[in-house]
Amino acid sequence: MLFCKLLETTTAPKVIYNELKMFLDANNKSMKNITSSVADGAPIQMGKNNSLKVMEDENPIMLLVHCAIHRENLVAKNFSTILNK
């Protein structure tokens, strides 16, 4: 995890992107240093102007993942009974 920050206003894509960009700028880091990012699948983040898309525009090789927790839950359902316990 890169950092954790309380969003003061909304979780709009521009707000998320701006917080990330300010953090990177303050720490002399480039968006190109980010190799992957995950969204929780909220509708506001999944549209064509979402924060992940804006990040990908700056770093086309970035791996974007949708709903990591949901994917983990799906995998866990298929584990053996012993592992689920």
N, C-alpha and C. Protein backbone atom coordinates (compact mmCIF):
# COMPACT_ATOMS: atom_id res chain seq x y z
N MET A 1 0.84 -1.17 0.00
CA MET A 1 0.00 0.00 0.00
C MET A 1 0.90 1.24 0.00
N LEU A 2 0.55 2.18 -0.82
CA LEU A 2 1.35 3.39 -0.96
C LEU A 2 1.10 4.37 0.19
N PHE A 3 -0.17 4.70 0.42
CA PHE A 3 -0.53 5.58 1.52
C PHE A 3 -2.02 5.50 1.77
N CYS A 4 -2.45 6.02 2.89
CA CYS A 4 -3.87 6.04 3.25
C CYS A 4 -4.21 7.46 3.65
N LYS A 5 -5.30 7.99 3.10
CA LYS A 5 -5.66 9.38 3.39
C LYS A 5 -7.17 9.51 3.42
N LEU A 6 -7.67 10.23 4.39
CA LEU A 6 -9.09 10.52 4.49
C LEU A 6 -9.45 11.54 3.40
N LEU A 7 -10.48 11.25 2.62
CA LEU A 7 -10.94 12.20 1.61
C LEU A 7 -11.90 13.18 2.28
N GLU A 8 -11.57 14.44 2.23
CA GLU A 8 -12.32 15.47 2.96
C GLU A 8 -13.69 15.77 2.35
N THR A 9 -13.84 15.57 1.04
CA THR A 9 -15.11 15.96 0.40
C THR A 9 -15.86 14.74 -0.12
N THR A 10 -15.51 14.27 -1.30
CA THR A 10 -16.22 13.14 -1.91
C THR A 10 -15.20 12.12 -2.40
N THR A 11 -15.72 11.03 -2.95
CA THR A 11 -14.86 10.02 -3.56
C THR A 11 -14.95 10.11 -5.08
N ALA A 12 -15.22 11.29 -5.56
CA ALA A 12 -15.28 11.51 -7.01
C ALA A 12 -13.92 11.18 -7.62
N PRO A 13 -13.91 10.66 -8.84
CA PRO A 13 -12.64 10.29 -9.47
C PRO A 13 -11.59 11.39 -9.46
N LYS A 14 -11.97 12.62 -9.72
CA LYS A 14 -10.99 13.72 -9.73
C LYS A 14 -10.40 13.94 -8.34
N VAL A 15 -11.20 13.80 -7.31
CA VAL A 15 -10.71 13.98 -5.94
C VAL A 15 -9.68 12.91 -5.61
N ILE A 16 -9.99 11.66 -5.93
CA ILE A 16 -9.06 10.56 -5.68
C ILE A 16 -7.76 10.77 -6.45
N TYR A 17 -7.89 11.09 -7.71
CA TYR A 17 -6.71 11.32 -8.54
C TYR A 17 -5.87 12.47 -8.00
N ASN A 18 -6.52 13.59 -7.65
CA ASN A 18 -5.79 14.76 -7.16
C ASN A 18 -5.05 14.46 -5.86
N GLU A 19 -5.66 13.70 -4.96
CA GLU A 19 -4.99 13.32 -3.70
C GLU A 19 -3.76 12.47 -3.99
N LEU A 20 -3.90 11.53 -4.89
CA LEU A 20 -2.77 10.69 -5.26
C LEU A 20 -1.67 11.53 -5.90
N LYS A 21 -2.04 12.39 -6.81
CA LYS A 21 -1.07 13.23 -7.52
C LYS A 21 -0.33 14.15 -6.54
N MET A 22 -1.07 14.74 -5.58
CA MET A 22 -0.42 15.61 -4.58
C MET A 22 0.57 14.82 -3.73
N PHE A 23 0.19 13.59 -3.36
CA PHE A 23 1.09 12.74 -2.57
C PHE A 23 2.35 12.43 -3.37
N LEU A 24 2.18 12.04 -4.61
CA LEU A 24 3.33 11.71 -5.45
C LEU A 24 4.25 12.91 -5.64
N ASP A 25 3.65 14.06 -5.94
CA ASP A 25 4.44 15.28 -6.14
C ASP A 25 5.20 15.67 -4.88
N ALA A 26 4.53 15.57 -3.72
CA ALA A 26 5.16 15.94 -2.45
C ALA A 26 6.34 15.02 -2.11
N ASN A 27 6.30 13.81 -2.63
CA ASN A 27 7.35 12.83 -2.34
C ASN A 27 8.28 12.59 -3.53
N ASN A 28 8.22 13.51 -4.50
CA ASN A 28 9.08 13.43 -5.70
C ASN A 28 9.00 12.07 -6.40
N LYS A 29 7.79 11.58 -6.55
CA LYS A 29 7.56 10.30 -7.24
C LYS A 29 6.73 10.55 -8.50
N SER A 30 6.86 9.64 -9.43
CA SER A 30 6.14 9.74 -10.70
C SER A 30 5.01 8.72 -10.74
N MET A 31 3.96 9.04 -11.46
CA MET A 31 2.87 8.10 -11.67
C MET A 31 3.40 6.83 -12.36
N LYS A 32 4.50 6.98 -13.07
CA LYS A 32 5.10 5.83 -13.76
C LYS A 32 5.68 4.81 -12.77
N ASN A 33 5.87 5.20 -11.51
CA ASN A 33 6.37 4.28 -10.48
C ASN A 33 5.28 3.35 -9.96
N ILE A 34 4.03 3.66 -10.24
CA ILE A 34 2.92 2.84 -9.75
C ILE A 34 2.69 1.72 -10.76
N THR A 35 2.80 0.49 -10.30
CA THR A 35 2.68 -0.65 -11.21
C THR A 35 1.27 -1.19 -11.29
N SER A 36 0.45 -0.97 -10.24
CA SER A 36 -0.92 -1.48 -10.26
C SER A 36 -1.80 -0.68 -9.32
N SER A 37 -3.10 -0.79 -9.55
CA SER A 37 -4.08 -0.10 -8.71
C SER A 37 -5.38 -0.90 -8.73
N VAL A 38 -6.14 -0.79 -7.63
CA VAL A 38 -7.38 -1.55 -7.49
C VAL A 38 -8.51 -0.60 -7.17
N ALA A 39 -9.68 -0.83 -7.79
CA ALA A 39 -10.89 -0.09 -7.45
C ALA A 39 -11.88 -1.05 -6.81
N ASP A 40 -12.73 -0.53 -5.94
CA ASP A 40 -13.69 -1.41 -5.27
C ASP A 40 -14.93 -1.67 -6.11
N GLY A 41 -15.02 -1.05 -7.26
CA GLY A 41 -16.15 -1.30 -8.14
C GLY A 41 -17.30 -0.35 -7.95
N ALA A 42 -17.14 0.67 -7.11
CA ALA A 42 -18.20 1.66 -6.94
C ALA A 42 -18.49 2.31 -8.28
N PRO A 43 -19.76 2.57 -8.60
CA PRO A 43 -20.11 3.14 -9.90
C PRO A 43 -19.34 4.40 -10.26
N ILE A 44 -19.06 5.26 -9.28
CA ILE A 44 -18.36 6.51 -9.56
C ILE A 44 -16.94 6.25 -10.07
N GLN A 45 -16.36 5.12 -9.67
CA GLN A 45 -14.99 4.82 -10.07
C GLN A 45 -14.91 4.02 -11.35
N MET A 46 -16.02 3.51 -11.84
CA MET A 46 -15.96 2.60 -12.97
C MET A 46 -16.34 3.23 -14.31
N GLY A 47 -16.75 4.49 -14.33
CA GLY A 47 -17.12 5.15 -15.58
C GLY A 47 -15.92 5.47 -16.45
N LYS A 48 -16.17 6.03 -17.62
CA LYS A 48 -15.06 6.29 -18.56
C LYS A 48 -14.11 7.38 -18.06
N ASN A 49 -14.55 8.23 -17.13
CA ASN A 49 -13.69 9.28 -16.58
C ASN A 49 -13.23 8.95 -15.17
N ASN A 50 -13.15 7.67 -14.85
CA ASN A 50 -12.80 7.30 -13.48
C ASN A 50 -11.34 7.58 -13.17
N SER A 51 -11.02 7.57 -11.88
CA SER A 51 -9.66 7.91 -11.44
C SER A 51 -8.64 6.90 -11.94
N LEU A 52 -9.02 5.64 -12.06
CA LEU A 52 -8.08 4.64 -12.55
C LEU A 52 -7.76 4.88 -14.02
N LYS A 53 -8.73 5.29 -14.80
CA LYS A 53 -8.51 5.56 -16.22
C LYS A 53 -7.55 6.74 -16.38
N VAL A 54 -7.72 7.77 -15.57
CA VAL A 54 -6.83 8.93 -15.64
C VAL A 54 -5.41 8.52 -15.28
N MET A 55 -5.27 7.66 -14.26
CA MET A 55 -3.94 7.16 -13.88
C MET A 55 -3.34 6.35 -15.02
N GLU A 56 -4.14 5.52 -15.64
CA GLU A 56 -3.65 4.68 -16.74
C GLU A 56 -3.21 5.54 -17.93
N ASP A 57 -3.88 6.66 -18.14
CA ASP A 57 -3.47 7.56 -19.23
C ASP A 57 -2.05 8.07 -19.02
N GLU A 58 -1.67 8.28 -17.75
CA GLU A 58 -0.32 8.75 -17.43
C GLU A 58 0.70 7.62 -17.42
N ASN A 59 0.23 6.39 -17.19
CA ASN A 59 1.12 5.23 -17.12
C ASN A 59 0.43 4.04 -17.78
N PRO A 60 0.55 3.91 -19.10
CA PRO A 60 -0.17 2.87 -19.84
C PRO A 60 0.19 1.44 -19.45
N ILE A 61 1.33 1.21 -18.82
CA ILE A 61 1.68 -0.16 -18.44
C ILE A 61 1.15 -0.55 -17.05
N MET A 62 0.45 0.37 -16.39
CA MET A 62 -0.11 0.11 -15.07
C MET A 62 -1.18 -0.98 -15.17
N LEU A 63 -1.15 -1.93 -14.24
CA LEU A 63 -2.15 -2.99 -14.18
C LEU A 63 -3.30 -2.50 -13.31
N LEU A 64 -4.51 -2.47 -13.87
CA LEU A 64 -5.69 -2.03 -13.13
C LEU A 64 -6.56 -3.24 -12.82
N VAL A 65 -6.95 -3.38 -11.55
CA VAL A 65 -7.74 -4.52 -11.10
C VAL A 65 -9.05 -4.02 -10.52
N HIS A 66 -10.12 -4.71 -10.86
CA HIS A 66 -11.46 -4.35 -10.40
C HIS A 66 -11.89 -5.32 -9.31
N CYS A 67 -12.33 -4.81 -8.19
CA CYS A 67 -12.93 -5.59 -7.10
C CYS A 67 -12.05 -6.72 -6.57
N ALA A 68 -10.90 -6.40 -6.04
CA ALA A 68 -9.98 -7.42 -5.53
C ALA A 68 -10.59 -8.23 -4.39
N ILE A 69 -11.31 -7.60 -3.49
CA ILE A 69 -11.90 -8.32 -2.36
C ILE A 69 -12.97 -9.30 -2.85
N HIS A 70 -13.77 -8.88 -3.82
CA HIS A 70 -14.78 -9.76 -4.39
C HIS A 70 -14.12 -10.97 -5.04
N ARG A 71 -13.02 -10.75 -5.74
CA ARG A 71 -12.30 -11.86 -6.39
C ARG A 71 -11.76 -12.83 -5.34
N GLU A 72 -11.21 -12.29 -4.26
CA GLU A 72 -10.71 -13.16 -3.19
C GLU A 72 -11.83 -14.00 -2.60
N ASN A 73 -13.00 -13.40 -2.43
CA ASN A 73 -14.15 -14.12 -1.89
C ASN A 73 -14.56 -15.26 -2.82
N LEU A 74 -14.57 -15.01 -4.13
CA LEU A 74 -14.92 -16.05 -5.09
C LEU A 74 -13.93 -17.21 -5.04
N VAL A 75 -12.65 -16.90 -4.94
CA VAL A 75 -11.63 -17.95 -4.86
C VAL A 75 -11.79 -18.74 -3.57
N ALA A 76 -12.03 -18.05 -2.47
CA ALA A 76 -12.14 -18.72 -1.17
C ALA A 76 -13.30 -19.72 -1.16
N LYS A 77 -14.36 -19.45 -1.87
CA LYS A 77 -15.51 -20.36 -1.92
C LYS A 77 -15.14 -21.70 -2.56
N ASN A 78 -14.13 -21.69 -3.40
CA ASN A 78 -13.75 -22.91 -4.11
C ASN A 78 -12.61 -23.68 -3.44
N PHE A 79 -12.11 -23.17 -2.31
CA PHE A 79 -11.08 -23.89 -1.58
C PHE A 79 -11.69 -25.12 -0.91
N SER A 80 -10.85 -26.00 -0.51
CA SER A 80 -11.34 -27.20 0.17
C SER A 80 -11.95 -26.84 1.53
N THR A 81 -12.73 -27.72 2.04
CA THR A 81 -13.39 -27.51 3.34
C THR A 81 -12.35 -27.27 4.42
N ILE A 82 -11.26 -28.00 4.39
CA ILE A 82 -10.21 -27.86 5.41
C ILE A 82 -9.62 -26.44 5.38
N LEU A 83 -9.34 -25.92 4.18
CA LEU A 83 -8.77 -24.58 4.09
C LEU A 83 -9.79 -23.51 4.48
N ASN A 84 -11.06 -23.72 4.20
CA ASN A 84 -12.09 -22.74 4.57
C ASN A 84 -12.25 -22.63 6.09
N LYS A 85 -12.01 -23.74 6.80
CA LYS A 85 -12.12 -23.70 8.26
C LYS A 85 -10.98 -22.90 8.82
